[in-house]
Amino acid sequence: MSLFFNWSDADYSYIPTFAGYAVMVILLIAVFAMILTLRKDNHQKLSAKEMSFCAMAMALAMVTSFIKFASLPFGGSITLFSMFFIALIGYIYGFRIGIVTGMAYGLLGLVTGPYIYHPVQVLLDYPLAFGMLGLAGLFTAKRHGLIAGYALGVFGRFIMHVISGYIFFASSAPEGMHPLIYSLGYNATYILPEAIATVALLMIPAVSNAINQIRKLAEPDESAPAAVH
């Protein structure tokens, strides 16, 4: 037993105490403060509208993350396109804003449904993993950029979870199976189906047109956004 976390033999993880939750909330507020101070490529601070869209994306991602089609014992689940909303912020506003928004969302997920085994594992599985979804911003100006950016962001998240699984959950691998192979397979089980379903959805013309309209609403009024392909 400690001030911040208590070990649970039933779940093989640490359960946050009140003080532990307080620390996580403080970290979440700190990341939100980072979003407020971020500057865009033209050195202007984010507008109220842009911050509102970042907050809405996190809210939508959180709500859809609770709609689970499958859940795994050591964390990870197939959700209702929850990763897409964070990737979309990166695609619209650039990878820096996308990464920080993803980190904030990861910390929000840590507060609402923590699985804590080790401090480095928490870092890999929450802020770093979900921050990778913001890499979608690297493809903002590319043809089919949203799909390519989403795929890159999801791959980045996958790599973070694989590293965490290989380092901290190797003992869970079946006898005779290499821990890296186990971690690759375990994390692909829930990330890959959702990614494939999301890409298939994005390829529907009506969905692409709807995202174009959302992007026009989200962009600063003085800019002229390119179309989503």
Protein backbone atom coordinates (compact mmCIF):
# COMPACT_ATOMS: atom_id res chain seq x y z
CA MET A 1 0.00 0.00 0.00
CA SER A 2 1.24 3.50 -0.80
CA LEU A 3 -0.04 7.06 -0.81
CA PHE A 4 -0.89 7.00 -4.52
CA PHE A 5 -1.49 3.37 -5.55
CA ASN A 6 -2.46 0.02 -4.02
CA TRP A 7 -1.57 -3.33 -5.56
CA SER A 8 -4.49 -5.59 -6.59
CA ASP A 9 -3.73 -9.31 -6.68
CA ALA A 10 -7.01 -9.92 -8.51
CA ASP A 11 -6.20 -7.62 -11.45
CA TYR A 12 -2.39 -7.79 -11.27
CA SER A 13 -2.25 -4.02 -11.41
CA TYR A 14 -2.06 -0.95 -9.21
CA ILE A 15 -5.32 0.72 -8.20
CA PRO A 16 -5.05 4.49 -7.75
CA THR A 17 -5.93 5.96 -4.38
CA PHE A 18 -7.66 9.32 -4.02
CA ALA A 19 -4.25 10.99 -4.05
CA GLY A 20 -3.29 8.99 -7.14
CA TYR A 21 -6.37 10.15 -9.01
CA ALA A 22 -5.64 13.72 -7.90
CA VAL A 23 -2.14 13.53 -9.40
CA MET A 24 -3.53 12.17 -12.69
CA VAL A 25 -6.11 14.95 -12.85
CA ILE A 26 -3.36 17.53 -12.26
CA LEU A 27 -1.34 16.03 -15.11
CA LEU A 28 -4.40 16.15 -17.34
CA ILE A 29 -4.95 19.82 -16.50
CA ALA A 30 -1.29 20.51 -17.26
CA VAL A 31 -1.63 18.98 -20.72
CA PHE A 32 -4.79 20.99 -21.33
CA ALA A 33 -2.76 24.07 -20.40
CA MET A 34 -0.20 23.04 -23.03
CA ILE A 35 -2.97 23.00 -25.63
CA LEU A 36 -3.98 26.52 -24.62
CA THR A 37 -0.43 27.79 -25.16
CA LEU A 38 0.22 25.98 -28.43
CA ARG A 39 0.97 28.08 -31.48
CA LYS A 40 0.29 27.21 -35.08
CA ASP A 41 2.69 27.44 -37.98
CA ASN A 42 1.83 31.12 -38.42
CA HIS A 43 2.76 31.68 -34.75
CA GLN A 44 -0.80 32.56 -33.77
CA LYS A 45 -2.32 30.96 -30.71
CA LEU A 46 -5.19 28.56 -31.15
CA SER A 47 -8.52 30.32 -31.42
CA ALA A 48 -11.47 29.57 -29.18
CA LYS A 49 -13.08 27.68 -32.05
CA GLU A 50 -10.01 25.51 -32.58
CA MET A 51 -9.72 24.70 -28.88
CA SER A 52 -13.43 23.88 -28.84
CA PHE A 53 -12.97 21.40 -31.69
CA CYS A 54 -10.05 19.77 -29.86
CA ALA A 55 -12.21 19.41 -26.76
CA MET A 56 -15.15 18.05 -28.78
CA ALA A 57 -12.88 15.51 -30.47
CA MET A 58 -11.67 14.25 -27.10
CA ALA A 59 -15.23 14.07 -25.83
CA LEU A 60 -16.38 12.11 -28.88
CA ALA A 61 -13.37 9.80 -28.64
CA MET A 62 -14.10 9.18 -24.96
CA VAL A 63 -17.81 8.48 -25.53
CA THR A 64 -17.15 6.09 -28.42
CA SER A 65 -14.37 4.37 -26.44
CA PHE A 66 -17.04 3.19 -24.01
CA ILE A 67 -18.88 1.46 -26.87
CA LYS A 68 -16.79 -1.70 -26.99
CA PHE A 69 -17.25 -4.67 -29.28
CA ALA A 70 -14.50 -6.64 -27.53
CA SER A 71 -12.15 -6.10 -24.57
CA LEU A 72 -8.88 -7.82 -23.69
CA PRO A 73 -7.77 -8.75 -20.15
CA PHE A 74 -4.66 -6.55 -19.95
CA GLY A 75 -6.17 -3.50 -21.61
CA GLY A 76 -7.19 -2.73 -25.17
CA SER A 77 -10.56 -2.95 -26.85
CA ILE A 78 -12.28 -2.67 -30.23
CA THR A 79 -14.32 0.52 -30.00
CA LEU A 80 -16.69 2.53 -32.16
CA PHE A 81 -14.05 4.43 -34.19
CA SER A 82 -12.70 6.25 -31.12
CA MET A 83 -9.15 6.62 -32.53
CA PHE A 84 -10.44 8.47 -35.58
CA PHE A 85 -11.51 11.62 -33.72
CA ILE A 86 -8.02 12.29 -32.36
CA ALA A 87 -6.43 11.56 -35.74
CA LEU A 88 -8.86 14.02 -37.34
CA ILE A 89 -7.66 16.82 -35.06
CA GLY A 90 -4.08 16.13 -36.13
CA TYR A 91 -5.14 16.11 -39.78
CA ILE A 92 -6.98 19.43 -39.48
CA TYR A 93 -4.63 21.38 -37.22
CA GLY A 94 -1.27 19.70 -37.73
CA PHE A 95 0.71 17.02 -35.95
CA ARG A 96 1.87 19.16 -33.01
CA ILE A 97 -1.65 20.03 -31.92
CA GLY A 98 -2.78 16.50 -32.75
CA ILE A 99 -0.08 14.89 -30.61
CA VAL A 100 -0.78 17.07 -27.57
CA THR A 101 -4.53 16.52 -27.96
CA GLY A 102 -3.88 12.78 -28.16
CA MET A 103 -1.73 12.93 -25.03
CA ALA A 104 -4.52 14.74 -23.19
CA TYR A 105 -6.99 12.11 -24.36
CA GLY A 106 -4.62 9.35 -23.22
CA LEU A 107 -4.42 10.88 -19.75
CA LEU A 108 -8.20 11.22 -19.71
CA GLY A 109 -8.41 7.50 -20.47
CA LEU A 110 -5.96 6.83 -17.65
CA VAL A 111 -8.18 8.71 -15.22
CA THR A 112 -11.41 7.00 -16.32
CA GLY A 113 -10.10 3.45 -16.78
CA PRO A 114 -6.55 2.97 -15.54
CA TYR A 115 -4.51 -0.20 -15.94
CA ILE A 116 -1.29 0.51 -14.08
CA TYR A 117 1.57 -1.97 -13.84
CA HIS A 118 4.64 0.28 -14.00
CA PRO A 119 5.24 4.03 -14.45
CA VAL A 120 6.96 3.54 -17.81
CA GLN A 121 4.14 1.22 -18.91
CA VAL A 122 1.64 3.97 -18.07
CA LEU A 123 3.66 6.44 -20.15
CA LEU A 124 3.79 4.09 -23.13
CA ASP A 125 0.18 2.89 -23.00
CA TYR A 126 -1.56 6.20 -22.38
CA PRO A 127 -0.05 9.62 -23.30
CA LEU A 128 2.56 8.34 -25.77
CA ALA A 129 0.35 5.74 -27.45
CA PHE A 130 -2.60 8.06 -27.99
CA GLY A 131 -0.36 11.00 -28.77
CA MET A 132 0.85 9.06 -31.79
CA LEU A 133 -2.62 9.42 -33.34
CA GLY A 134 -1.77 13.07 -33.90
CA LEU A 135 0.81 12.03 -36.49
CA ALA A 136 -2.09 12.15 -38.94
CA GLY A 137 -1.14 15.82 -39.26
CA LEU A 138 1.93 14.86 -41.29
CA PHE A 139 -0.36 14.10 -44.23
CA THR A 140 -2.54 17.21 -44.13
CA ALA A 141 -1.59 18.36 -47.61
CA LYS A 142 -1.42 14.91 -49.22
CA ARG A 143 -3.91 13.21 -51.48
CA HIS A 144 -5.83 10.63 -49.43
CA GLY A 145 -4.08 12.31 -46.52
CA LEU A 146 -6.70 11.56 -43.92
CA ILE A 147 -6.60 7.82 -44.57
CA ALA A 148 -2.80 7.75 -44.76
CA GLY A 149 -2.47 9.93 -41.67
CA TYR A 150 -4.94 7.83 -39.72
CA ALA A 151 -3.05 4.66 -40.68
CA LEU A 152 0.26 6.21 -39.55
CA GLY A 153 -1.22 7.39 -36.28
CA VAL A 154 -2.73 4.00 -35.52
CA PHE A 155 0.56 2.31 -36.39
CA GLY A 156 2.37 4.65 -34.00
CA ARG A 157 -0.08 3.77 -31.24
CA PHE A 158 0.37 0.07 -32.03
CA ILE A 159 4.15 0.33 -31.71
CA MET A 160 3.89 2.00 -28.29
CA HIS A 161 1.62 -0.77 -27.01
CA VAL A 162 3.85 -3.47 -28.50
CA ILE A 163 6.89 -2.04 -26.71
CA SER A 164 4.94 -1.90 -23.46
CA GLY A 165 3.69 -5.45 -23.88
CA TYR A 166 7.13 -6.80 -24.73
CA ILE A 167 8.78 -5.14 -21.73
CA PHE A 168 6.14 -5.45 -19.03
CA PHE A 169 3.83 -8.32 -19.99
CA ALA A 170 6.28 -10.88 -21.35
CA SER A 171 5.31 -13.31 -18.59
CA SER A 172 1.78 -13.48 -20.04
CA ALA A 173 3.03 -15.02 -23.28
CA PRO A 174 2.13 -18.70 -23.75
CA GLU A 175 4.93 -21.15 -23.09
CA GLY A 176 7.24 -21.40 -26.07
CA MET A 177 6.06 -18.15 -27.68
CA HIS A 178 8.48 -15.24 -27.96
CA PRO A 179 7.20 -12.24 -25.93
CA LEU A 180 7.56 -9.92 -28.93
CA ILE A 181 5.41 -12.18 -31.10
CA TYR A 182 2.86 -12.36 -28.29
CA SER A 183 2.80 -8.58 -27.90
CA LEU A 184 2.45 -8.05 -31.66
CA GLY A 185 -0.45 -10.48 -31.84
CA TYR A 186 -2.16 -9.29 -28.67
CA ASN A 187 -2.22 -5.64 -29.71
CA ALA A 188 -3.11 -6.36 -33.33
CA THR A 189 -6.15 -8.29 -32.10
CA TYR A 190 -7.98 -5.12 -31.07
CA ILE A 191 -6.23 -2.32 -33.00
CA LEU A 192 -6.29 -3.87 -36.48
CA PRO A 193 -10.04 -4.63 -36.71
CA GLU A 194 -10.99 -1.10 -35.66
CA ALA A 195 -8.43 0.41 -38.04
CA ILE A 196 -9.70 -1.63 -40.99
CA ALA A 197 -13.32 -0.76 -40.21
CA THR A 198 -12.46 2.95 -39.91
CA VAL A 199 -10.54 3.06 -43.21
CA ALA A 200 -13.42 1.28 -44.93
CA LEU A 201 -15.81 3.89 -43.54
CA LEU A 202 -13.59 6.77 -44.67
CA MET A 203 -13.62 5.42 -48.23
CA ILE A 204 -17.39 5.91 -48.50
CA PRO A 205 -17.98 9.10 -50.55
CA ALA A 206 -20.79 10.34 -48.29
CA VAL A 207 -18.54 10.04 -45.23
CA SER A 208 -15.69 11.80 -47.03
CA ASN A 209 -18.01 14.65 -47.99
CA ALA A 210 -19.28 14.96 -44.43
CA ILE A 211 -15.69 15.17 -43.12
CA ASN A 212 -14.98 17.89 -45.69
CA GLN A 213 -17.81 19.93 -44.21
CA ILE A 214 -16.57 19.34 -40.68
CA ARG A 215 -13.10 20.43 -41.69
CA LYS A 216 -14.44 23.64 -43.21
CA LEU A 217 -16.23 24.39 -39.95
CA ALA A 218 -13.12 23.61 -37.90
CA GLU A 219 -10.65 25.63 -39.95
CA PRO A 220 -9.99 29.29 -39.11
CA ASP A 221 -12.38 31.54 -41.00
CA GLU A 222 -9.62 33.17 -43.02
CA SER A 223 -8.23 29.89 -44.39
CA ALA A 224 -9.39 27.83 -47.33
CA PRO A 225 -9.07 24.11 -46.45
CA ALA A 226 -8.26 21.53 -49.04
CA ALA A 227 -10.66 18.71 -49.76
CA VAL A 228 -10.36 15.33 -48.11
CA HIS A 229 -9.55 12.53 -50.55
